[in-house]
Amino acid sequence: MMHMAPFADLLNFGDQPNLGYYEGCVGGLGGGGGFTIEATEEINEGEEVNYFYGDNCKSYFKIHYGFESELNDAACDWG
């Protein structure tokens, strides 16, 4: 299971992201694959940075990210 490093928790969740997430980058902990978060468009000083965490259900967000969002209000089908 992939976990985001604590600094990535500072990213705003939004449905119009201006950041991209890329796995498998060289130089991760222990020499393994890491990840990169980089701008997908120009971001001016003072603008918010937004990342879209995906189309997961509400409980998934609460468990994995610690928040619920009106952008992801679907109930989980875990049964």
PDB file of N, CA and C in Angstrom:
ATOM      1  N   MET A   1       0.846  -1.172   0.000  1.00  0.00           N
ATOM      2  CA  MET A   1       0.000   0.000   0.000  1.00  0.00           C
ATOM      3  C   MET A   1       0.893   1.236   0.000  1.00  0.00           C
ATOM      4  N   MET A   2       0.559   2.194  -0.816  1.00  0.00           N
ATOM      5  CA  MET A   2       1.307   3.439  -0.913  1.00  0.00           C
ATOM      6  C   MET A   2       0.859   4.399   0.186  1.00  0.00           C
ATOM      7  N   HIS A   3       1.825   5.048   0.824  1.00  0.00           N
ATOM      8  CA  HIS A   3       1.532   6.077   1.817  1.00  0.00           C
ATOM      9  C   HIS A   3       2.253   7.347   1.417  1.00  0.00           C
ATOM     10  N   MET A   4       1.605   8.469   1.597  1.00  0.00           N
ATOM     11  CA  MET A   4       2.240   9.730   1.264  1.00  0.00           C
ATOM     12  C   MET A   4       3.077  10.203   2.450  1.00  0.00           C
ATOM     13  N   ALA A   5       4.220  10.778   2.171  1.00  0.00           N
ATOM     14  CA  ALA A   5       5.076  11.330   3.215  1.00  0.00           C
ATOM     15  C   ALA A   5       4.350  12.493   3.891  1.00  0.00           C
ATOM     16  N   PRO A   6       4.636  12.753   5.164  1.00  0.00           N
ATOM     17  CA  PRO A   6       3.899  13.798   5.895  1.00  0.00           C
ATOM     18  C   PRO A   6       3.866  15.162   5.214  1.00  0.00           C
ATOM     19  N   PHE A   7       4.920  15.547   4.516  1.00  0.00           N
ATOM     20  CA  PHE A   7       4.884  16.876   3.883  1.00  0.00           C
ATOM     21  C   PHE A   7       3.819  16.953   2.800  1.00  0.00           C
ATOM     22  N   ALA A   8       3.490  15.850   2.181  1.00  0.00           N
ATOM     23  CA  ALA A   8       2.463  15.852   1.138  1.00  0.00           C
ATOM     24  C   ALA A   8       1.076  16.075   1.731  1.00  0.00           C
ATOM     25  N   ASP A   9       0.917  15.860   3.035  1.00  0.00           N
ATOM     26  CA  ASP A   9      -0.360  16.115   3.681  1.00  0.00           C
ATOM     27  C   ASP A   9      -0.701  17.603   3.697  1.00  0.00           C
ATOM     28  N   LEU A  10       0.255  18.445   3.411  1.00  0.00           N
ATOM     29  CA  LEU A  10       0.022  19.886   3.391  1.00  0.00           C
ATOM     30  C   LEU A  10      -0.620  20.356   2.090  1.00  0.00           C
ATOM     31  N   LEU A  11      -0.730  19.469   1.105  1.00  0.00           N
ATOM     32  CA  LEU A  11      -1.334  19.847  -0.171  1.00  0.00           C
ATOM     33  C   LEU A  11      -2.843  19.977  -0.030  1.00  0.00           C
ATOM     34  N   ASN A  12      -3.403  20.968  -0.681  1.00  0.00           N
ATOM     35  CA  ASN A  12      -4.852  21.137  -0.701  1.00  0.00           C
ATOM     36  C   ASN A  12      -5.469  20.109  -1.631  1.00  0.00           C
ATOM     37  N   PHE A  13      -6.639  19.604  -1.255  1.00  0.00           N
ATOM     38  CA  PHE A  13      -7.391  18.675  -2.087  1.00  0.00           C
ATOM     39  C   PHE A  13      -8.320  19.483  -2.963  1.00  0.00           C
ATOM     40  N   GLY A  14      -8.242  19.290  -4.271  1.00  0.00           N
ATOM     41  CA  GLY A  14      -9.111  20.033  -5.163  1.00  0.00           C
ATOM     42  C   GLY A  14      -9.403  19.274  -6.437  1.00  0.00           C
ATOM     43  N   ASP A  15     -10.544  19.584  -7.047  1.00  0.00           N
ATOM     44  CA  ASP A  15     -10.922  18.897  -8.282  1.00  0.00           C
ATOM     45  C   ASP A  15     -10.341  19.585  -9.512  1.00  0.00           C
ATOM     46  N   GLN A  16      -9.592  20.666  -9.315  1.00  0.00           N
ATOM     47  CA  GLN A  16      -8.871  21.324 -10.403  1.00  0.00           C
ATOM     48  C   GLN A  16      -7.395  21.412 -10.004  1.00  0.00           C
ATOM     49  N   PRO A  17      -6.705  20.263 -10.028  1.00  0.00           N
ATOM     50  CA  PRO A  17      -5.331  20.226  -9.532  1.00  0.00           C
ATOM     51  C   PRO A  17      -4.345  20.963 -10.439  1.00  0.00           C
ATOM     52  N   ASN A  18      -3.305  21.485  -9.816  1.00  0.00           N
ATOM     53  CA  ASN A  18      -2.199  22.058 -10.567  1.00  0.00           C
ATOM     54  C   ASN A  18      -0.887  21.371 -10.196  1.00  0.00           C
ATOM     55  N   LEU A  19      -1.027  20.188  -9.572  1.00  0.00           N
ATOM     56  CA  LEU A  19       0.115  19.352  -9.211  1.00  0.00           C
ATOM     57  C   LEU A  19      -0.094  17.947  -9.737  1.00  0.00           C
ATOM     58  N   GLY A  20       0.989  17.271 -10.059  1.00  0.00           N
ATOM     59  CA  GLY A  20       0.939  15.874 -10.473  1.00  0.00           C
ATOM     60  C   GLY A  20       1.812  15.028  -9.563  1.00  0.00           C
ATOM     61  N   TYR A  21       1.454  13.775  -9.405  1.00  0.00           N
ATOM     62  CA  TYR A  21       2.158  12.824  -8.543  1.00  0.00           C
ATOM     63  C   TYR A  21       2.702  11.709  -9.419  1.00  0.00           C
ATOM     64  N   TYR A  22       3.982  11.408  -9.257  1.00  0.00           N
ATOM     65  CA  TYR A  22       4.621  10.392 -10.086  1.00  0.00           C
ATOM     66  C   TYR A  22       5.385   9.419  -9.197  1.00  0.00           C
ATOM     67  N   GLU A  23       5.038   8.125  -9.263  1.00  0.00           N
ATOM     68  CA  GLU A  23       5.706   7.091  -8.466  1.00  0.00           C
ATOM     69  C   GLU A  23       6.906   6.532  -9.206  1.00  0.00           C
ATOM     70  N   GLY A  24       7.763   5.832  -8.454  1.00  0.00           N
ATOM     71  CA  GLY A  24       8.866   5.102  -9.045  1.00  0.00           C
ATOM     72  C   GLY A  24      10.072   5.938  -9.395  1.00  0.00           C
ATOM     73  N   CYS A  25      10.208   7.093  -8.790  1.00  0.00           N
ATOM     74  CA  CYS A  25      11.365   7.938  -9.064  1.00  0.00           C
ATOM     75  C   CYS A  25      12.593   7.400  -8.335  1.00  0.00           C
ATOM     76  N   VAL A  26      13.740   7.588  -8.901  1.00  0.00           N
ATOM     77  CA  VAL A  26      14.997   7.115  -8.312  1.00  0.00           C
ATOM     78  C   VAL A  26      15.309   7.929  -7.065  1.00  0.00           C
ATOM     79  N   GLY A  27      15.846   7.255  -6.044  1.00  0.00           N
ATOM     80  CA  GLY A  27      16.320   7.969  -4.864  1.00  0.00           C
ATOM     81  C   GLY A  27      15.369   7.954  -3.688  1.00  0.00           C
ATOM     82  N   GLY A  28      14.457   7.021  -3.639  1.00  0.00           N
ATOM     83  CA  GLY A  28      13.561   6.923  -2.497  1.00  0.00           C
ATOM     84  C   GLY A  28      14.302   6.388  -1.281  1.00  0.00           C
ATOM     85  N   LEU A  29      13.618   6.306  -0.167  1.00  0.00           N
ATOM     86  CA  LEU A  29      14.230   5.793   1.056  1.00  0.00           C
ATOM     87  C   LEU A  29      14.814   4.409   0.824  1.00  0.00           C
ATOM     88  N   GLY A  30      15.994   4.173   1.322  1.00  0.00           N
ATOM     89  CA  GLY A  30      16.634   2.876   1.172  1.00  0.00           C
ATOM     90  C   GLY A  30      17.059   2.589  -0.250  1.00  0.00           C
ATOM     91  N   GLY A  31      17.127   3.618  -1.103  1.00  0.00           N
ATOM     92  CA  GLY A  31      17.541   3.427  -2.496  1.00  0.00           C
ATOM     93  C   GLY A  31      16.443   2.912  -3.402  1.00  0.00           C
ATOM     94  N   GLY A  32      15.251   2.695  -2.847  1.00  0.00           N
ATOM     95  CA  GLY A  32      14.148   2.191  -3.654  1.00  0.00           C
ATOM     96  C   GLY A  32      13.442   3.310  -4.393  1.00  0.00           C
ATOM     97  N   GLY A  33      12.314   2.978  -4.959  1.00  0.00           N
ATOM     98  CA  GLY A  33      11.539   3.970  -5.698  1.00  0.00           C
ATOM     99  C   GLY A  33      10.910   4.988  -4.776  1.00  0.00           C
ATOM    100  N   GLY A  34      10.997   6.214  -5.135  1.00  0.00           N
ATOM    101  CA  GLY A  34      10.368   7.294  -4.387  1.00  0.00           C
ATOM    102  C   GLY A  34       9.222   7.856  -5.189  1.00  0.00           C
ATOM    103  N   PHE A  35       8.926   9.110  -4.976  1.00  0.00           N
ATOM    104  CA  PHE A  35       7.893   9.759  -5.759  1.00  0.00           C
ATOM    105  C   PHE A  35       8.226  11.232  -5.907  1.00  0.00           C
ATOM    106  N   THR A  36       7.610  11.844  -6.885  1.00  0.00           N
ATOM    107  CA  THR A  36       7.803  13.259  -7.166  1.00  0.00           C
ATOM    108  C   THR A  36       6.435  13.922  -7.273  1.00  0.00           C
ATOM    109  N   ILE A  37       6.319  15.093  -6.684  1.00  0.00           N
ATOM    110  CA  ILE A  37       5.146  15.925  -6.868  1.00  0.00           C
ATOM    111  C   ILE A  37       5.638  17.186  -7.554  1.00  0.00           C
ATOM    112  N   GLU A  38       5.070  17.477  -8.715  1.00  0.00           N
ATOM    113  CA  GLU A  38       5.518  18.673  -9.437  1.00  0.00           C
ATOM    114  C   GLU A  38       4.345  19.400 -10.066  1.00  0.00           C
ATOM    115  N   ALA A  39       4.563  20.676 -10.339  1.00  0.00           N
ATOM    116  CA  ALA A  39       3.527  21.517 -10.936  1.00  0.00           C
ATOM    117  C   ALA A  39       3.202  21.042 -12.342  1.00  0.00           C
ATOM    118  N   THR A  40       1.924  21.046 -12.673  1.00  0.00           N
ATOM    119  CA  THR A  40       1.478  20.691 -14.019  1.00  0.00           C
ATOM    120  C   THR A  40       1.164  21.941 -14.842  1.00  0.00           C
ATOM    121  N   GLU A  41       1.251  23.087 -14.193  1.00  0.00           N
ATOM    122  CA  GLU A  41       1.049  24.375 -14.855  1.00  0.00           C
ATOM    123  C   GLU A  41       1.778  25.429 -14.031  1.00  0.00           C
ATOM    124  N   GLU A  42       1.886  26.618 -14.575  1.00  0.00           N
ATOM    125  CA  GLU A  42       2.558  27.689 -13.841  1.00  0.00           C
ATOM    126  C   GLU A  42       1.729  28.077 -12.617  1.00  0.00           C
ATOM    127  N   ILE A  43       2.406  28.196 -11.478  1.00  0.00           N
ATOM    128  CA  ILE A  43       1.750  28.593 -10.233  1.00  0.00           C
ATOM    129  C   ILE A  43       2.414  29.889  -9.775  1.00  0.00           C
ATOM    130  N   ASN A  44       1.627  30.923  -9.695  1.00  0.00           N
ATOM    131  CA  ASN A  44       2.151  32.230  -9.302  1.00  0.00           C
ATOM    132  C   ASN A  44       2.219  32.353  -7.785  1.00  0.00           C
ATOM    133  N   GLU A  45       3.078  33.213  -7.317  1.00  0.00           N
ATOM    134  CA  GLU A  45       3.215  33.463  -5.890  1.00  0.00           C
ATOM    135  C   GLU A  45       1.856  33.834  -5.306  1.00  0.00           C
ATOM    136  N   GLY A  46       1.516  33.205  -4.188  1.00  0.00           N
ATOM    137  CA  GLY A  46       0.243  33.475  -3.520  1.00  0.00           C
ATOM    138  C   GLY A  46      -0.900  32.581  -3.948  1.00  0.00           C
ATOM    139  N   GLU A  47      -0.749  31.834  -5.053  1.00  0.00           N
ATOM    140  CA  GLU A  47      -1.805  30.915  -5.496  1.00  0.00           C
ATOM    141  C   GLU A  47      -1.746  29.619  -4.692  1.00  0.00           C
ATOM    142  N   GLU A  48      -2.893  29.004  -4.500  1.00  0.00           N
ATOM    143  CA  GLU A  48      -2.939  27.716  -3.817  1.00  0.00           C
ATOM    144  C   GLU A  48      -2.420  26.616  -4.727  1.00  0.00           C
ATOM    145  N   VAL A  49      -1.819  25.611  -4.105  1.00  0.00           N
ATOM    146  CA  VAL A  49      -1.466  24.408  -4.848  1.00  0.00           C
ATOM    147  C   VAL A  49      -2.513  23.356  -4.509  1.00  0.00           C
ATOM    148  N   ASN A  50      -3.005  22.656  -5.526  1.00  0.00           N
ATOM    149  CA  ASN A  50      -4.066  21.666  -5.349  1.00  0.00           C
ATOM    150  C   ASN A  50      -3.653  20.333  -5.947  1.00  0.00           C
ATOM    151  N   TYR A  51      -4.018  19.295  -5.244  1.00  0.00           N
ATOM    152  CA  TYR A  51      -3.762  17.933  -5.697  1.00  0.00           C
ATOM    153  C   TYR A  51      -5.074  17.176  -5.599  1.00  0.00           C
ATOM    154  N   PHE A  52      -5.396  16.372  -6.607  1.00  0.00           N
ATOM    155  CA  PHE A  52      -6.603  15.555  -6.583  1.00  0.00           C
ATOM    156  C   PHE A  52      -6.227  14.156  -6.130  1.00  0.00           C
ATOM    157  N   TYR A  53      -6.704  13.745  -4.977  1.00  0.00           N
ATOM    158  CA  TYR A  53      -6.343  12.463  -4.386  1.00  0.00           C
ATOM    159  C   TYR A  53      -7.041  11.272  -5.032  1.00  0.00           C
ATOM    160  N   GLY A  54      -7.983  11.512  -5.911  1.00  0.00           N
ATOM    161  CA  GLY A  54      -8.641  10.415  -6.613  1.00  0.00           C
ATOM    162  C   GLY A  54     -10.118  10.321  -6.319  1.00  0.00           C
ATOM    163  N   ASP A  55     -10.772   9.439  -7.051  1.00  0.00           N
ATOM    164  CA  ASP A  55     -12.217   9.222  -6.915  1.00  0.00           C
ATOM    165  C   ASP A  55     -12.493   8.037  -6.007  1.00  0.00           C
ATOM    166  N   ASN A  56     -12.113   8.150  -4.758  1.00  0.00           N
ATOM    167  CA  ASN A  56     -12.370   7.085  -3.796  1.00  0.00           C
ATOM    168  C   ASN A  56     -13.617   7.414  -2.993  1.00  0.00           C
ATOM    169  N   CYS A  57     -14.147   6.412  -2.290  1.00  0.00           N
ATOM    170  CA  CYS A  57     -15.348   6.631  -1.494  1.00  0.00           C
ATOM    171  C   CYS A  57     -15.024   7.409  -0.210  1.00  0.00           C
ATOM    172  N   LYS A  58     -16.064   7.903   0.422  1.00  0.00           N
ATOM    173  CA  LYS A  58     -15.915   8.766   1.597  1.00  0.00           C
ATOM    174  C   LYS A  58     -15.132   8.090   2.729  1.00  0.00           C
ATOM    175  N   SER A  59     -15.447   6.859   3.069  1.00  0.00           N
ATOM    176  CA  SER A  59     -14.749   6.173   4.167  1.00  0.00           C
ATOM    177  C   SER A  59     -13.277   5.935   3.837  1.00  0.00           C
ATOM    178  N   TYR A  60     -12.967   5.661   2.584  1.00  0.00           N
ATOM    179  CA  TYR A  60     -11.569   5.481   2.169  1.00  0.00           C
ATOM    180  C   TYR A  60     -10.778   6.752   2.487  1.00  0.00           C
ATOM    181  N   PHE A  61     -11.355   7.908   2.156  1.00  0.00           N
ATOM    182  CA  PHE A  61     -10.681   9.175   2.435  1.00  0.00           C
ATOM    183  C   PHE A  61     -10.482   9.381   3.930  1.00  0.00           C
ATOM    184  N   LYS A  62     -11.487   9.071   4.714  1.00  0.00           N
ATOM    185  CA  LYS A  62     -11.394   9.248   6.165  1.00  0.00           C
ATOM    186  C   LYS A  62     -10.303   8.352   6.743  1.00  0.00           C
ATOM    187  N   ILE A  63     -10.238   7.109   6.308  1.00  0.00           N
ATOM    188  CA  ILE A  63      -9.261   6.156   6.829  1.00  0.00           C
ATOM    189  C   ILE A  63      -7.847   6.480   6.364  1.00  0.00           C
ATOM    190  N   HIS A  64      -7.667   6.750   5.080  1.00  0.00           N
ATOM    191  CA  HIS A  64      -6.327   6.908   4.505  1.00  0.00           C
ATOM    192  C   HIS A  64      -5.777   8.328   4.553  1.00  0.00           C
ATOM    193  N   TYR A  65      -6.657   9.321   4.503  1.00  0.00           N
ATOM    194  CA  TYR A  65      -6.183  10.702   4.434  1.00  0.00           C
ATOM    195  C   TYR A  65      -6.618  11.557   5.616  1.00  0.00           C
ATOM    196  N   GLY A  66      -7.554  11.067   6.432  1.00  0.00           N
ATOM    197  CA  GLY A  66      -7.959  11.796   7.621  1.00  0.00           C
ATOM    198  C   GLY A  66      -8.957  12.916   7.367  1.00  0.00           C
ATOM    199  N   PHE A  67      -9.590  12.943   6.206  1.00  0.00           N
ATOM    200  CA  PHE A  67     -10.603  13.958   5.946  1.00  0.00           C
ATOM    201  C   PHE A  67     -11.680  13.401   5.036  1.00  0.00           C
ATOM    202  N   GLU A  68     -12.836  14.031   5.080  1.00  0.00           N
ATOM    203  CA  GLU A  68     -13.923  13.740   4.154  1.00  0.00           C
ATOM    204  C   GLU A  68     -14.134  14.974   3.304  1.00  0.00           C
ATOM    205  N   SER A  69     -14.605  14.801   2.109  1.00  0.00           N
ATOM    206  CA  SER A  69     -14.780  15.925   1.201  1.00  0.00           C
ATOM    207  C   SER A  69     -16.090  15.804   0.461  1.00  0.00           C
ATOM    208  N   GLU A  70     -16.702  16.950   0.180  1.00  0.00           N
ATOM    209  CA  GLU A  70     -17.920  16.952  -0.619  1.00  0.00           C
ATOM    210  C   GLU A  70     -17.638  16.531  -2.059  1.00  0.00           C
ATOM    211  N   LEU A  71     -16.363  16.561  -2.470  1.00  0.00           N
ATOM    212  CA  LEU A  71     -16.007  16.103  -3.814  1.00  0.00           C
ATOM    213  C   LEU A  71     -16.060  14.586  -3.928  1.00  0.00           C
ATOM    214  N   ASN A  72     -15.955  13.901  -2.815  1.00  0.00           N
ATOM    215  CA  ASN A  72     -15.984  12.443  -2.786  1.00  0.00           C
ATOM    216  C   ASN A  72     -16.972  12.005  -1.707  1.00  0.00           C
ATOM    217  N   ASP A  73     -18.257  12.016  -2.012  1.00  0.00           N
ATOM    218  CA  ASP A  73     -19.254  11.682  -1.012  1.00  0.00           C
ATOM    219  C   ASP A  73     -19.929  10.328  -1.247  1.00  0.00           C
ATOM    220  N   ALA A  74     -19.374   9.534  -2.133  1.00  0.00           N
ATOM    221  CA  ALA A  74     -19.945   8.215  -2.409  1.00  0.00           C
ATOM    222  C   ALA A  74     -19.692   7.257  -1.238  1.00  0.00           C
ATOM    223  N   ALA A  75     -20.657   6.410  -0.971  1.00  0.00           N
ATOM    224  CA  ALA A  75     -20.490   5.387   0.062  1.00  0.00           C
ATOM    225  C   ALA A  75     -19.598   4.276  -0.475  1.00  0.00           C
ATOM    226  N   CYS A  76     -18.835   3.640   0.398  1.00  0.00           N
ATOM    227  CA  CYS A  76     -17.955   2.555   0.000  1.00  0.00           C
ATOM    228  C   CYS A  76     -18.743   1.265  -0.186  1.00  0.00           C
ATOM    229  N   ASP A  77     -18.342   0.479  -1.168  1.00  0.00           N
ATOM    230  CA  ASP A  77     -18.957  -0.824  -1.426  1.00  0.00           C
ATOM    231  C   ASP A  77     -17.908  -1.877  -1.087  1.00  0.00           C
ATOM    232  N   TRP A  78     -17.760  -2.151   0.211  1.00  0.00           N
ATOM    233  CA  TRP A  78     -16.731  -3.073   0.678  1.00  0.00           C
ATOM    234  C   TRP A  78     -17.283  -4.450   0.974  1.00  0.00           C
ATOM    235  N   GLY A  79     -18.490  -4.745   0.530  1.00  0.00           N
ATOM    236  CA  GLY A  79     -19.085  -5.991   0.902  1.00  0.00           C
ATOM    237  C   GLY A  79     -19.295  -6.881  -0.239  1.00  0.00           C
TER     238      GLY A  79
END
